[in-house]
Protein backbone atom coordinates (compact mmCIF):
# COMPACT_ATOMS: atom_id res chain seq x y z
CA MET A 1 0.00 0.00 0.00
CA THR A 2 1.07 3.58 -0.49
CA ASP A 3 1.84 4.23 3.20
CA GLU A 4 4.82 1.86 3.43
CA PRO A 5 8.39 2.91 2.61
CA PRO A 6 9.76 1.24 -0.53
CA MET A 7 11.24 -2.15 0.30
CA THR A 8 11.41 -5.34 -1.70
CA VAL A 9 9.89 -8.55 -0.37
CA SER A 10 13.29 -10.23 -0.25
CA SER A 11 14.94 -7.39 1.67
CA ALA A 12 12.02 -7.29 4.12
CA ARG A 13 12.50 -11.00 4.82
CA VAL A 14 16.22 -10.49 5.39
CA SER A 15 15.49 -7.60 7.77
CA ASP A 16 12.92 -9.59 9.70
CA HIS A 17 15.38 -12.51 9.94
CA ARG A 18 18.08 -10.23 11.32
CA MET A 19 15.69 -8.79 13.92
CA ALA A 20 14.58 -12.30 14.91
CA MET A 21 18.20 -13.40 15.34
CA ALA A 22 18.97 -10.34 17.47
CA TRP A 23 15.99 -11.12 19.69
CA ALA A 24 17.06 -14.75 20.02
CA ARG A 25 20.54 -13.65 21.15
CA LEU A 26 19.13 -11.63 24.06
CA ASP A 27 19.53 -13.31 27.42
CA GLU A 28 16.43 -14.56 29.18
CA ARG A 29 16.57 -11.81 31.81
CA ALA A 30 16.54 -9.01 29.21
CA ARG A 31 13.59 -10.56 27.40
CA ASP A 32 11.65 -11.01 30.65
CA ILE A 33 12.34 -7.41 31.71
CA LEU A 34 11.04 -6.15 28.34
CA ALA A 35 7.93 -8.31 28.65
CA ARG A 36 7.24 -7.16 32.21
CA ARG A 37 7.68 -3.51 31.27
CA THR A 38 5.31 -3.94 28.33
CA ALA A 39 2.76 -5.47 30.72
CA GLY A 40 2.89 -2.26 32.76
CA GLN A 41 4.99 -3.37 35.72
CA THR A 42 6.98 -0.65 37.48
CA LEU A 43 10.76 -0.56 37.52
CA GLU A 44 10.67 -1.36 41.23
CA VAL A 45 8.50 -4.48 40.80
CA ILE A 46 10.66 -5.71 37.92
CA GLY A 47 13.82 -5.10 39.94
CA MET A 48 12.46 -7.09 42.89
CA ALA A 49 11.66 -10.00 40.56
CA HIS A 50 15.24 -10.10 39.33
CA GLY A 51 17.04 -8.99 42.46
CA VAL A 52 18.42 -5.77 40.99
CA SER A 53 17.83 -2.05 41.58
CA ARG A 54 15.37 0.15 39.76
CA GLU A 55 18.27 1.96 38.11
CA ARG A 56 19.75 -1.30 36.84
CA VAL A 57 16.38 -2.24 35.31
CA ARG A 58 16.27 1.16 33.62
CA GLN A 59 19.77 0.59 32.19
CA ILE A 60 18.88 -2.85 30.86
CA LEU A 61 15.74 -1.50 29.20
CA ARG A 62 17.63 1.43 27.69
CA ASP A 63 20.50 -0.70 26.39
CA THR A 64 18.30 -3.52 25.04
CA GLU A 65 15.79 -1.26 23.31
CA GLY A 66 18.61 0.88 21.96
CA ALA A 67 20.40 -2.12 20.47
CA LEU A 68 17.21 -3.32 18.77
CA ALA A 69 16.52 0.18 17.43
CA THR A 70 20.05 0.51 16.04
CA LEU A 71 19.67 -2.78 14.19
CA ALA A 72 16.26 -1.62 12.93
CA ASP A 73 17.97 1.52 11.57
CA ALA A 74 20.27 -0.68 9.50
CA CYS A 75 17.43 -2.97 8.37
CA TRP A 76 14.95 -0.24 7.46
CA PRO A 77 16.41 3.28 7.26
CA GLY A 78 13.90 5.98 8.12
CA TRP A 79 11.58 3.72 10.09
CA ARG A 80 11.61 6.07 13.10
CA ASP A 81 10.27 9.09 11.18
CA HIS A 82 7.78 6.86 9.40
CA VAL A 83 6.33 5.52 12.65
CA ILE A 84 6.20 8.95 14.31
CA SER A 85 4.45 10.45 11.28
CA GLN A 86 1.72 7.83 11.57
CA ALA A 87 1.17 8.49 15.28
CA ALA A 88 1.43 12.30 15.10
CA GLY A 89 -1.94 14.00 15.22
CA ALA A 90 -3.81 10.77 16.06
CA VAL A 91 -5.54 10.33 19.40
CA VAL A 92 -4.23 6.77 19.44
CA ILE A 93 -3.18 4.17 16.88
CA ALA A 94 -3.36 0.38 16.99
CA ALA A 95 -0.01 -1.42 16.95
CA GLU A 96 -1.12 -3.60 14.04
CA ASP A 97 -1.92 -0.50 11.99
CA LEU A 98 1.61 0.86 12.33
CA VAL A 99 3.63 -0.13 9.28
CA GLY A 100 7.32 0.18 8.51
CA ILE A 101 8.89 -1.68 11.47
CA PRO A 102 11.09 -4.75 10.79
CA THR A 103 9.98 -6.97 13.68
CA ALA A 104 9.82 -10.51 12.32
CA GLY A 105 6.18 -10.43 13.44
CA ASP A 106 7.30 -10.44 17.09
CA THR A 107 5.04 -8.34 19.30
CA GLU A 108 7.71 -7.78 21.97
CA ILE A 109 10.20 -6.41 19.42
CA LYS A 110 7.60 -4.04 18.02
CA ARG A 111 6.66 -2.79 21.49
CA ALA A 112 10.31 -2.25 22.40
CA LEU A 113 10.88 -0.20 19.22
CA LEU A 114 7.73 1.85 19.79
CA ARG A 115 8.81 2.71 23.33
CA HIS A 116 12.27 3.64 22.07
CA VAL A 117 10.93 6.24 19.60
CA GLY A 118 8.78 7.86 22.30
CA LEU A 119 5.38 6.22 21.89
CA TYR A 120 3.39 5.08 24.92
CA PRO A 121 0.73 2.43 25.53
CA ALA A 122 -2.70 4.02 25.92
CA THR A 123 -3.97 4.23 29.49
CA THR A 124 -7.53 5.07 30.53
CA TRP A 125 -9.71 4.80 33.62
CA ALA A 126 -10.06 1.12 32.61
CA GLY A 127 -6.28 0.69 32.86
CA ARG A 128 -3.85 -0.03 30.03
CA ILE A 129 -5.50 -0.76 26.67
CA GLU A 130 -3.41 -3.36 24.90
CA ASN A 131 -1.91 -2.69 21.45
CA LEU A 132 -2.96 0.98 21.36
CA TRP A 133 -0.16 3.57 21.26
CA SER A 134 0.19 7.35 21.07
CA VAL A 135 2.65 10.17 21.59
CA SER A 136 1.20 10.60 25.10
CA SER A 137 -0.08 7.85 27.37
CA THR A 138 -2.98 10.09 28.42
CA ASN A 139 -4.18 11.04 24.91
CA LEU A 140 -6.93 8.44 24.82
CA ASP A 141 -8.02 9.09 28.40
CA ARG A 142 -8.42 12.82 27.69
CA ALA A 143 -10.42 12.11 24.54
CA LEU A 144 -12.67 9.65 26.37
CA ARG A 145 -13.27 12.11 29.21
CA SER A 146 -14.21 14.75 26.64
CA LEU A 147 -16.62 12.20 25.18
CA ALA A 148 -18.12 11.50 28.60
CA ALA A 149 -18.56 15.23 29.24
CA GLN A 150 -20.81 15.43 26.17
CA ALA A 151 -23.20 12.78 27.50
CA PRO A 152 -25.97 11.78 27.62
CA PHE A 153 -26.19 9.75 24.39
CA LEU A 154 -28.72 7.36 23.00
CA SER A 155 -27.49 3.76 22.96
CA ASP A 156 -26.33 3.89 19.33
CA GLU A 157 -24.73 7.34 19.51
CA LEU A 158 -21.63 6.55 21.58
CA ARG A 159 -19.54 5.25 18.69
CA GLU A 160 -20.61 8.13 16.41
CA GLN A 161 -19.70 10.73 19.02
CA ALA A 162 -16.37 9.01 19.63
CA ALA A 163 -15.57 9.11 15.90
CA ALA A 164 -16.39 12.83 15.85
CA LEU A 165 -13.68 13.35 18.49
CA GLY A 166 -11.12 11.45 16.41
CA ILE A 167 -11.23 8.25 18.47
CA PRO A 168 -10.56 5.44 15.94
CA VAL A 169 -12.76 2.37 15.57
CA SER A 170 -9.90 0.20 16.89
CA VAL A 171 -10.63 1.57 20.38
CA PRO A 172 -13.13 -0.64 22.29
CA VAL A 173 -15.16 2.39 23.38
CA GLU A 174 -18.14 0.49 24.76
CA ARG A 175 -15.98 -1.89 26.80
CA ILE A 176 -14.06 1.03 28.30
CA ALA A 177 -17.27 2.97 28.96
CA GLU A 178 -18.73 -0.03 30.82
CA HIS A 179 -15.79 -0.24 33.23
CA PRO A 180 -16.71 0.35 36.91
CA SER A 181 -14.38 3.37 37.03
CA SER A 182 -15.98 4.98 33.99
CA PRO A 183 -17.78 8.33 34.38
CA LEU A 184 -20.42 6.83 32.07
CA THR A 185 -22.97 4.12 32.74
CA ARG A 186 -26.09 2.76 31.05
CA ASP A 187 -29.54 3.73 32.22
CA SER A 188 -32.46 1.32 32.47
CA ARG A 189 -33.12 1.65 28.73
CA GLY A 190 -29.52 1.02 27.71
CA HIS A 191 -28.63 4.66 26.92
CA TRP A 192 -25.35 6.25 27.98
CA VAL A 193 -25.59 8.68 30.89
CA ARG A 194 -23.13 10.28 33.30
CA ARG A 195 -22.73 8.29 36.48
CA ARG A 196 -22.92 11.43 38.66
CA ALA A 197 -26.15 12.56 36.96
CA GLU A 198 -27.65 9.21 36.00
CA GLN A 199 -31.33 9.86 36.65
CA ARG A 200 -31.31 13.45 35.39
CA ASP A 201 -29.55 12.43 32.15
CA ALA A 202 -32.02 9.57 31.72
CA ALA A 203 -34.89 12.04 32.20
CA TYR A 204 -33.35 14.42 29.66
CA LEU A 205 -33.09 11.68 27.00
CA TRP A 206 -36.60 10.43 27.70
CA LEU A 207 -38.14 13.90 27.43
CA THR A 208 -36.15 14.53 24.25
CA GLN A 209 -37.65 11.42 22.67
CA GLU A 210 -41.14 12.15 23.99
CA GLY A 211 -41.02 15.67 22.55
CA GLU A 212 -43.56 17.13 24.97
CA PRO A 213 -43.87 17.89 28.71
CA ARG A 214 -44.62 14.97 31.03
CA GLY A 215 -45.57 14.52 34.66
CA ALA A 216 -42.96 13.50 37.22
CA THR A 217 -44.73 10.24 38.07
CA HIS A 218 -44.92 9.19 34.43
CA LEU A 219 -41.28 10.17 33.94
CA ALA A 220 -40.09 8.29 37.04
CA VAL A 221 -41.80 5.10 35.89
CA ALA A 222 -40.30 5.42 32.39
CA ILE A 223 -36.71 5.74 33.63
CA GLN A 224 -37.20 3.43 36.64
CA ALA A 225 -36.35 6.18 39.13
CA THR A 226 -36.37 5.06 42.75
CA SER A 227 -38.25 8.14 43.99
CA VAL A 228 -40.52 10.63 42.26
CA ARG A 229 -39.59 13.26 44.82
CA ALA A 230 -35.86 12.66 44.30
CA ILE A 231 -36.04 13.00 40.51
CA GLU A 232 -38.10 16.19 40.82
CA GLU A 233 -35.54 17.69 43.22
CA GLY A 234 -32.76 16.78 40.81
CA MET A 235 -34.50 18.37 37.82
CA ARG A 236 -35.31 21.49 39.82
CA ARG A 237 -31.57 22.09 40.35
CA ASP A 238 -30.68 21.27 36.73
CA GLU A 239 -30.87 24.17 34.27
CA ARG A 240 -31.82 21.80 31.44
CA PHE A 241 -35.34 21.39 32.89
CA ARG A 242 -38.23 23.65 33.82
CA LYS A 243 -41.56 22.97 35.48
CA LEU A 244 -44.66 24.31 33.79
CA GLN A 245 -47.34 25.85 35.96
CA PRO A 246 -50.20 25.37 36.66
CA GLU A 247 -50.01 21.99 34.89
CA GLY A 248 -47.11 20.75 37.00
CA LEU A 249 -45.49 19.10 34.00
CA TRP A 250 -41.77 18.92 33.31
CA ALA A 251 -40.26 20.19 30.05
CA LEU A 252 -36.82 20.85 28.60
CA ALA A 253 -35.57 24.42 28.91
CA GLU A 254 -34.84 24.49 25.16
CA TRP A 255 -38.53 24.21 24.36
CA ASN A 256 -40.10 27.62 23.86
CA VAL A 257 -43.62 26.41 24.50
CA PRO A 258 -45.08 23.13 25.71
CA HIS A 259 -46.14 21.38 22.56
CA THR A 260 -45.93 17.95 21.05
CA SER A 261 -42.96 17.58 18.72
CA GLY A 262 -43.95 16.41 15.28
CA HIS A 263 -40.36 15.75 14.25
CA GLY A 264 -38.96 12.28 13.84
CA ASN A 265 -35.37 13.51 13.90
CA ALA A 266 -33.15 16.60 13.95
CA LEU A 267 -33.03 16.83 10.15
CA ASP A 268 -36.82 17.09 9.92
CA ALA A 269 -36.79 19.89 12.49
CA MET A 270 -34.02 21.74 10.63
CA ILE A 271 -35.86 21.51 7.32
CA GLU A 272 -39.06 22.86 8.92
CA VAL A 273 -37.14 25.82 10.38
CA LEU A 274 -35.72 26.65 6.94
CA ARG A 275 -39.14 26.41 5.32
CA GLU A 276 -40.50 28.91 7.84
CA THR A 277 -37.57 31.33 8.02
CA ALA A 278 -34.79 31.16 5.44
CA PRO A 279 -32.04 31.79 4.68
CA LEU A 280 -30.27 31.69 8.04
CA THR A 281 -26.70 31.71 9.31
CA ARG A 282 -25.47 28.43 10.71
CA ASP A 283 -25.66 29.64 14.31
CA GLU A 284 -29.20 30.95 13.82
CA LEU A 285 -30.28 27.68 12.20
CA PHE A 286 -28.72 25.57 14.96
CA ALA A 287 -30.31 27.63 17.73
CA ARG A 288 -33.82 27.46 16.23
CA THR A 289 -33.53 23.75 15.41
CA ALA A 290 -32.37 22.88 18.93
CA GLN A 291 -35.42 24.66 20.37
CA ARG A 292 -37.64 22.20 18.53
CA TYR A 293 -35.47 19.09 18.65
CA PRO A 294 -32.66 19.38 21.23
CA VAL A 295 -29.59 17.40 20.16
CA THR A 296 -25.84 17.89 20.31
CA ARG A 297 -24.02 20.35 18.04
CA SER A 298 -22.19 17.50 16.32
CA ARG A 299 -25.56 15.99 15.31
CA LEU A 300 -26.66 19.35 13.89
CA LEU A 301 -23.44 19.55 11.89
CA GLN A 302 -24.18 16.12 10.44
CA CYS A 303 -27.56 17.36 9.24
CA LEU A 304 -25.81 19.86 6.96
CA LEU A 305 -24.65 16.92 4.82
CA SER A 306 -28.25 16.33 3.75
CA ASP A 307 -28.88 16.76 0.03
CA GLN A 308 -31.88 18.92 1.00
CA ILE A 309 -29.80 21.70 2.62
CA GLY A 310 -27.26 23.99 0.95
CA LEU A 311 -25.60 27.39 0.77
CA VAL A 312 -26.78 30.57 -0.92
CA ASP A 313 -24.45 33.20 -2.39
CA ASP A 314 -23.97 35.15 0.86
CA GLY A 315 -22.94 32.01 2.81
CA ARG A 316 -26.21 31.49 4.66
CA LEU A 317 -28.12 28.21 4.65
CA ASP A 318 -31.34 27.45 2.83
CA LEU A 319 -33.18 24.56 1.23
CA VAL A 320 -31.99 23.12 -2.06
CA GLU A 321 -35.59 23.34 -3.29
CA ASN A 322 -35.22 27.12 -2.93
CA GLY A 323 -32.10 27.18 -5.08
CA ALA A 324 -29.36 26.61 -2.50
CA THR A 325 -26.30 24.59 -3.53
CA PRO A 326 -25.73 21.35 -1.56
CA VAL A 327 -22.67 21.37 0.69
CA GLU A 328 -20.44 18.39 -0.01
CA GLU A 329 -18.42 16.91 2.83
CA SER A 330 -14.77 17.98 2.78
CA GLU A 331 -12.14 15.23 2.86
CA PRO A 332 -11.72 13.87 6.40
CA ARG A 333 -8.33 12.72 7.66
CA ARG A 334 -7.79 9.12 6.54
CA PRO A 335 -7.75 6.74 9.52
CA PRO A 336 -4.98 4.14 9.85
CA THR A 337 -7.54 1.34 9.44
CA MET A 338 -8.16 2.30 5.81
CA VAL A 339 -5.85 2.24 2.79
CA ILE A 340 -6.02 2.70 -0.96
CA ASP A 341 -3.71 1.19 -3.56
CA ALA A 342 -1.40 3.35 -5.67
CA ALA A 343 -3.70 3.09 -8.69
CA GLY A 344 -6.73 4.21 -6.69
CA ARG A 345 -8.74 1.15 -7.68
CA VAL A 346 -8.92 -0.83 -4.43
CA LEU A 347 -9.97 0.43 -1.00
CA GLY A 348 -9.05 -1.62 2.05
CA VAL A 349 -10.78 -1.50 5.45
CA ARG A 350 -9.46 -3.32 8.53
CA LEU A 351 -12.27 -4.62 10.77
CA THR A 352 -12.11 -6.26 14.18
CA VAL A 353 -14.62 -9.00 14.93
CA ASP A 354 -16.73 -7.84 17.90
CA LYS A 355 -20.15 -8.59 19.34
CA ASP A 356 -21.87 -6.03 17.09
CA LEU A 357 -20.40 -7.60 13.95
CA LEU A 358 -21.38 -11.12 15.08
CA ARG A 359 -24.96 -10.18 15.92
CA GLY A 360 -25.53 -8.65 12.49
CA SER A 361 -25.42 -4.93 13.25
CA GLY A 362 -24.47 -2.53 10.49
CA VAL A 363 -20.78 -1.65 10.73
CA ILE A 364 -20.16 2.02 11.54
CA VAL A 365 -17.02 3.20 9.74
CA HIS A 366 -14.99 6.37 9.46
CA PRO A 367 -16.54 8.82 6.92
CA TRP A 368 -13.27 8.91 4.93
CA LEU A 369 -14.46 5.70 3.26
CA THR A 370 -17.71 7.19 2.03
CA TRP A 371 -15.92 10.40 1.01
CA ARG A 372 -13.43 8.41 -1.08
CA LEU A 373 -16.32 6.52 -2.70
CA GLY A 374 -17.83 9.85 -3.74
CA LEU A 375 -20.70 9.65 -1.22
CA ARG A 376 -20.33 13.23 -0.04
CA LEU A 377 -23.98 14.09 0.52
CA ALA A 378 -26.69 12.27 2.44
CA PRO A 379 -28.50 10.08 1.97
CA THR A 380 -26.50 8.22 -0.65
CA SER A 381 -25.05 4.75 -1.04
CA ARG A 382 -23.00 2.45 -3.24
CA SER A 383 -23.34 -1.31 -3.62
CA PHE A 384 -20.73 -4.00 -4.22
CA ARG A 385 -21.21 -7.66 -5.16
CA LEU A 386 -19.48 -10.00 -2.71
CA ARG A 387 -17.00 -12.11 -4.62
CA GLY A 388 -18.10 -15.70 -5.14
CA THR A 389 -21.69 -15.05 -4.03
CA ASN A 390 -24.84 -13.30 -5.20
CA ASP A 391 -24.95 -11.19 -2.05
CA ILE A 392 -24.73 -7.42 -2.09
CA LEU A 393 -22.75 -5.28 0.34
CA THR A 394 -23.88 -1.66 0.67
CA VAL A 395 -21.84 1.30 1.87
CA ARG A 396 -24.19 4.07 3.00
CA ARG A 397 -23.73 7.71 3.97
CA SER A 398 -26.52 9.09 6.12
CA THR A 399 -26.60 12.36 8.01
CA SER A 400 -25.82 10.55 11.25
CA ALA A 401 -23.17 8.03 10.24
CA ALA A 402 -21.19 6.21 7.57
CA GLN A 403 -22.03 2.54 7.61
CA ILE A 404 -21.41 -0.81 5.90
CA SER A 405 -24.30 -3.24 5.74
CA ALA A 406 -24.29 -6.27 8.07
CA LEU A 407 -21.55 -8.83 7.45
CA ARG A 408 -22.65 -11.48 9.94
CA ALA A 409 -23.20 -14.39 7.53
CA LEU A 410 -19.98 -13.74 5.65
CA VAL A 411 -17.98 -13.32 8.87
CA GLN A 412 -19.36 -16.59 10.25
CA SER A 413 -18.35 -18.39 7.06
CA LYS A 414 -14.72 -17.41 7.74
CA GLY A 415 -14.64 -19.37 10.98
CA VAL A 416 -13.30 -16.43 12.94
CA THR A 417 -13.76 -15.57 16.60
CA MET A 418 -13.96 -12.45 18.77
CA GLY A 419 -10.94 -10.23 18.28
CA CYS A 420 -9.97 -11.59 14.88
CA GLN A 421 -8.86 -9.13 12.21
CA LEU A 422 -10.61 -8.94 8.84
CA ALA A 423 -9.67 -7.10 5.65
CA LEU A 424 -12.54 -5.82 3.51
CA LEU A 425 -11.44 -5.00 -0.05
CA LEU A 426 -13.68 -2.83 -2.22
CA ARG A 427 -12.71 -2.96 -5.92
CA LEU A 428 -13.84 0.26 -7.57
CA ASP A 429 -13.29 -0.83 -11.17
CA ASP A 430 -15.56 -3.91 -11.19
CA GLY A 431 -17.78 -3.20 -8.14
CA GLU A 432 -16.74 -6.35 -6.27
CA ALA A 433 -16.07 -6.76 -2.56
CA ASP A 434 -13.95 -9.38 -0.85
CA LEU A 435 -13.68 -10.14 2.89
CA ARG A 436 -10.53 -11.90 4.06
CA HIS A 437 -9.27 -13.25 7.37
CA ALA A 438 -6.27 -11.01 8.11
CA CYS A 439 -4.87 -12.42 11.36
CA ASP A 440 -1.30 -13.69 11.60
CA PRO A 441 -1.75 -17.44 10.85
CA HIS A 442 0.82 -18.34 13.53
CA THR A 443 -0.88 -16.48 16.39
CA CYS A 444 -4.60 -16.39 15.47
CA GLN A 445 -6.57 -18.31 18.07
CA ALA A 446 -9.32 -19.20 15.60
CA ARG A 447 -6.80 -20.83 13.27
CA VAL A 448 -5.04 -22.61 16.11
CA LYS A 449 -8.34 -24.13 17.24
CA ARG A 450 -9.08 -25.35 13.68
CA ALA A 451 -5.60 -26.81 13.14
CA PRO A 452 -5.74 -30.64 12.76
CA SER A 453 -4.05 -32.68 15.46
CA SER A 454 -2.69 -35.15 12.92
CA ALA A 455 -0.40 -34.58 9.94
CA GLY A 456 -1.67 -32.35 7.25
CA GLY A 457 -0.44 -28.88 8.31
CA THR A 458 -2.16 -25.87 9.66
CA GLN A 459 -5.29 -24.78 7.88
CA ARG A 460 -5.09 -21.45 6.13
């Protein structure tokens, strides 16, 4: 692919062989110290395990990693700058997505080289997240805390909001958010709320979906609040709510008047605003839309990708039916999980098998994919025929997300398991798609389990 420095297959094999030999020549203590450090153990704990001081452990790490890095310099000149350029500007990057390191496929060598060039394993409130690296160990934690501060979210909005903050799909956002130390938790309906404001956030989401004022008793039952009085006291102190008198009903502060919302989504509300009063500046449009259908600013920005909304000559927004020009999405930054060949004819997407993929959910992907496919307005889609079958795979751009249609049946046919890596290839010239098992055949647990016990070799 175009991201890798030029290197022939034969020279890459020689380099990997040299790195493997260097690793094999390390004494057992040095290898164990590297492994323990990678696992997050402190210098003091490692020193106690080997009967040496913290400073001696530091020296061994420095000397061992330095020797490996010097050999890597000879094997693959420029690898340091290449790795740093991939990590720079990214919240976090998966180790398997970093290319240009001669490691002989050895995870410990790769981790040692990454530490040597100044990258750090990602650490969050859930602890160390394996195989994710960045220029600062706290990058991911800061991004996740910014995400939590924007809550509450509906159950299917967490991943979309994370993507908007630059958190790549390789990050197990839901698993981290479900950790006991997380500032987020799920309410009784499965939506994401802040732990310190659980019932009030749940009430906010419920009223948003109801679209009209409701009584406290009705609200408490809907969100399974433990006490009607407690939820009323909480809403009274929260500026997002107001109580209407003399009815005694609760409403959202964004609502100008108590009325039933006739809008199914934010886009419908935005279109109605423009039909009543147009053209408008973006800030004016967002403020009036939020009064009718309160959502986050990022969701309102997504609505501008609709093929029904566009710009007029003075830069304000209006409806396309009134002569406005649709606003195409500008090119997003390409994520490390996506590549394109030098000829521009094949797009590759790395996917990780997770519970959503296995249960048949549509796969939310970074919008760079839909941009590169020319799907720069919404709604719009493009279909591909899955190679060797009559099935169709659809890539869709909506105002709320970029998505690939469900891959459950195809994934199951590959015999993969949770955590396996897949490569989805989209061929632009003939409209075909191909899904391949992309794990290392020597370390993939799914392949190991399928390997025959008798002669015959490992299945591929």
